[in-house]
Amino acid sequence: MTKLHFYFHDTVTAKNPSAIQIAQANSTFQSPTLFGLVRMMDNPLTVKPEPNSKKIGRAQGIYGSASFEDIGLLMTLNLVFTNGKYNGSTLSILGHNQIFHEYREMPIVGGSGVFRQAKGIATAKTYSGDNTTQNAIVEYHVVILHY
C-alpha cells in the first residue's frame, strides 16, 4: 500500500492555461451546471499548494460537465509521475467529481510502473478556487494497493 499527498493546479484562464475547452453543447452556457462542457488538461502536480512548489508530475486527461442537477464532472485522467521514486509510473482515475462538495472520492482503476495493477481511492478537496476564472488548486490524498 502506498499513500500520496499532492496538489493539482487546474488553470483555465491564464497566458498559458493547463486546461483548455475542447467541446461544448449548443446549450452549455444556458445550463446552470455547464452541462456538455469538455476540457482537456495537462495540469501540474506539486508537493505544496504554491504553483512554484516542487513539481512531482502531471494530471493528464479529460473532464466534462456530466450532470443536469449540480456541477458534477466526469474525470478521466492519468497521474503521470515525473520526479522522485515514482518517476515514470502512472495512476489512472475514472470517476465522478462534484467540485462544490467539500470532500470527493474517485476510484483509482489502474496504474503502471511502480503502480502496476493498482486499485485504490483518490480524495479531493478544493484548496482554492475562483468561480470567475474557473482556476483551482485541489488537494489530493491517494491510497493505492499495488504489486
Protein backbone atom coordinates (compact mmCIF):
# COMPACT_ATOMS: atom_id res chain seq x y z
CA MET A 1 0.00 0.00 0.00
CA THR A 2 1.22 3.49 -0.90
CA LYS A 3 -0.19 6.82 0.32
CA LEU A 4 0.42 10.04 -1.61
CA HIS A 5 -0.41 13.70 -0.94
CA PHE A 6 -0.07 16.46 -3.55
CA TYR A 7 -1.76 19.48 -5.14
CA PHE A 8 -3.38 19.65 -8.58
CA HIS A 9 -3.30 23.03 -10.38
CA ASP A 10 -6.14 23.47 -12.89
CA THR A 11 -5.52 26.73 -14.75
CA VAL A 12 -8.23 27.62 -17.26
CA THR A 13 -7.68 31.36 -17.72
CA ALA A 14 -4.08 32.50 -17.90
CA LYS A 15 -1.44 33.26 -20.50
CA ASN A 16 -0.52 29.55 -20.55
CA PRO A 17 -3.57 27.55 -19.41
CA SER A 18 -3.14 23.93 -18.34
CA ALA A 19 -6.77 23.05 -19.15
CA ILE A 20 -8.46 24.07 -22.40
CA GLN A 21 -12.03 23.73 -23.60
CA ILE A 22 -12.29 21.25 -26.47
CA ALA A 23 -16.08 20.87 -26.81
CA GLN A 24 -19.44 22.16 -25.69
CA ALA A 25 -23.10 21.56 -26.46
CA ASN A 26 -25.19 24.30 -28.09
CA SER A 27 -26.97 24.74 -24.75
CA THR A 28 -23.93 24.54 -22.44
CA PHE A 29 -23.82 28.21 -21.48
CA GLN A 30 -27.59 28.34 -20.86
CA SER A 31 -27.22 25.46 -18.38
CA PRO A 32 -26.62 26.35 -14.69
CA THR A 33 -24.28 23.32 -14.49
CA LEU A 34 -22.48 23.99 -17.81
CA PHE A 35 -23.72 20.58 -18.99
CA GLY A 36 -21.75 19.39 -22.01
CA LEU A 37 -18.59 21.44 -21.41
CA VAL A 38 -15.46 19.33 -22.02
CA ARG A 39 -11.85 20.27 -21.24
CA MET A 40 -8.52 18.56 -21.89
CA MET A 41 -5.90 19.04 -19.17
CA ASP A 42 -2.20 18.70 -18.55
CA ASN A 43 -2.14 20.07 -15.00
CA PRO A 44 0.96 20.22 -12.80
CA LEU A 45 1.08 18.23 -9.58
CA THR A 46 3.10 19.82 -6.77
CA VAL A 47 4.13 18.93 -3.21
CA LYS A 48 2.70 22.18 -1.79
CA PRO A 49 -0.21 24.39 -2.88
CA GLU A 50 2.01 27.17 -4.21
CA PRO A 51 2.31 26.96 -8.02
CA ASN A 52 6.13 27.33 -7.86
CA SER A 53 6.49 24.45 -5.37
CA LYS A 54 8.36 21.29 -6.41
CA LYS A 55 6.63 19.50 -9.29
CA ILE A 56 6.18 15.74 -8.96
CA GLY A 57 4.15 15.08 -12.08
CA ARG A 58 1.21 15.96 -14.30
CA ALA A 59 -2.50 15.18 -14.34
CA GLN A 60 -3.23 14.45 -17.99
CA GLY A 61 -6.70 13.71 -19.26
CA ILE A 62 -10.16 15.00 -19.87
CA TYR A 63 -13.08 16.21 -17.76
CA GLY A 64 -16.58 17.17 -18.68
CA SER A 65 -19.69 18.52 -17.01
CA ALA A 66 -21.98 15.49 -16.92
CA SER A 67 -24.87 16.47 -14.63
CA PHE A 68 -28.04 18.48 -15.15
CA GLU A 69 -28.60 18.91 -11.40
CA ASP A 70 -25.24 20.04 -10.00
CA ILE A 71 -21.74 20.62 -11.27
CA GLY A 72 -20.55 17.04 -11.44
CA LEU A 73 -17.57 16.28 -13.63
CA LEU A 74 -16.73 13.02 -15.30
CA MET A 75 -12.96 12.78 -14.69
CA THR A 76 -10.77 10.55 -16.85
CA LEU A 77 -7.11 11.18 -16.15
CA ASN A 78 -3.68 9.75 -15.64
CA LEU A 79 -1.46 10.95 -12.83
CA VAL A 80 1.94 10.84 -14.53
CA PHE A 81 4.81 10.99 -12.05
CA THR A 82 7.93 12.71 -13.38
CA ASN A 83 10.07 13.16 -10.28
CA GLY A 84 11.25 11.17 -7.28
CA LYS A 85 10.92 7.46 -6.61
CA TYR A 86 7.68 7.17 -8.65
CA ASN A 87 9.22 8.78 -11.76
CA GLY A 88 7.86 7.03 -14.86
CA SER A 89 4.89 5.48 -13.04
CA THR A 90 1.24 6.36 -13.56
CA LEU A 91 -2.12 6.05 -11.84
CA SER A 92 -5.43 6.10 -13.75
CA ILE A 93 -8.57 7.72 -12.32
CA LEU A 94 -12.07 7.36 -13.70
CA GLY A 95 -14.84 8.86 -11.62
CA HIS A 96 -17.42 11.45 -10.65
CA ASN A 97 -16.21 14.71 -9.12
CA GLN A 98 -18.80 17.03 -7.56
CA ILE A 99 -16.47 20.01 -7.37
CA PHE A 100 -18.58 22.08 -4.97
CA HIS A 101 -18.68 19.30 -2.36
CA GLU A 102 -16.02 19.70 0.29
CA TYR A 103 -14.83 16.10 0.04
CA ARG A 104 -14.86 13.98 -3.13
CA GLU A 105 -13.80 10.40 -3.83
CA MET A 106 -12.74 8.98 -7.17
CA PRO A 107 -11.58 5.43 -7.87
CA ILE A 108 -8.07 4.52 -8.98
CA VAL A 109 -8.72 1.94 -11.72
CA GLY A 110 -5.17 1.04 -12.72
CA GLY A 111 -1.56 2.05 -12.97
CA SER A 112 1.83 1.34 -14.47
CA GLY A 113 5.44 1.12 -13.36
CA VAL A 114 5.65 1.00 -9.56
CA PHE A 115 1.83 1.16 -9.51
CA ARG A 116 1.23 -1.83 -11.82
CA GLN A 117 -2.26 -3.31 -11.28
CA ALA A 118 -3.16 -0.50 -8.88
CA LYS A 119 -6.54 -0.13 -7.25
CA GLY A 120 -7.41 2.50 -4.73
CA ILE A 121 -9.05 5.79 -3.99
CA ALA A 122 -8.22 9.43 -4.64
CA THR A 123 -9.85 12.01 -2.40
CA ALA A 124 -10.02 15.61 -3.49
CA LYS A 125 -10.65 18.81 -1.56
CA THR A 126 -10.56 22.26 -3.15
CA TYR A 127 -7.71 24.25 -1.60
CA SER A 128 -8.55 27.41 -3.54
CA GLY A 129 -10.85 28.23 -6.41
CA ASP A 130 -12.14 31.22 -8.31
CA ASN A 131 -15.62 30.97 -9.84
CA THR A 132 -14.89 33.82 -12.24
CA THR A 133 -11.64 32.50 -13.72
CA GLN A 134 -12.53 28.83 -13.03
CA ASN A 135 -8.91 28.31 -11.90
CA ALA A 136 -8.46 25.97 -8.95
CA ILE A 137 -5.88 24.31 -6.74
CA VAL A 138 -7.08 20.96 -5.43
CA GLU A 139 -5.53 18.95 -2.60
CA TYR A 140 -5.36 15.21 -3.27
CA HIS A 141 -4.82 12.28 -0.91
CA VAL A 142 -4.35 8.96 -2.70
CA VAL A 143 -4.27 5.45 -1.22
CA ILE A 144 -3.18 2.70 -3.61
CA LEU A 145 -2.93 -1.07 -3.37
CA HIS A 146 -0.45 -2.42 -5.94
CA TYR A 147 2.18 -5.08 -6.57
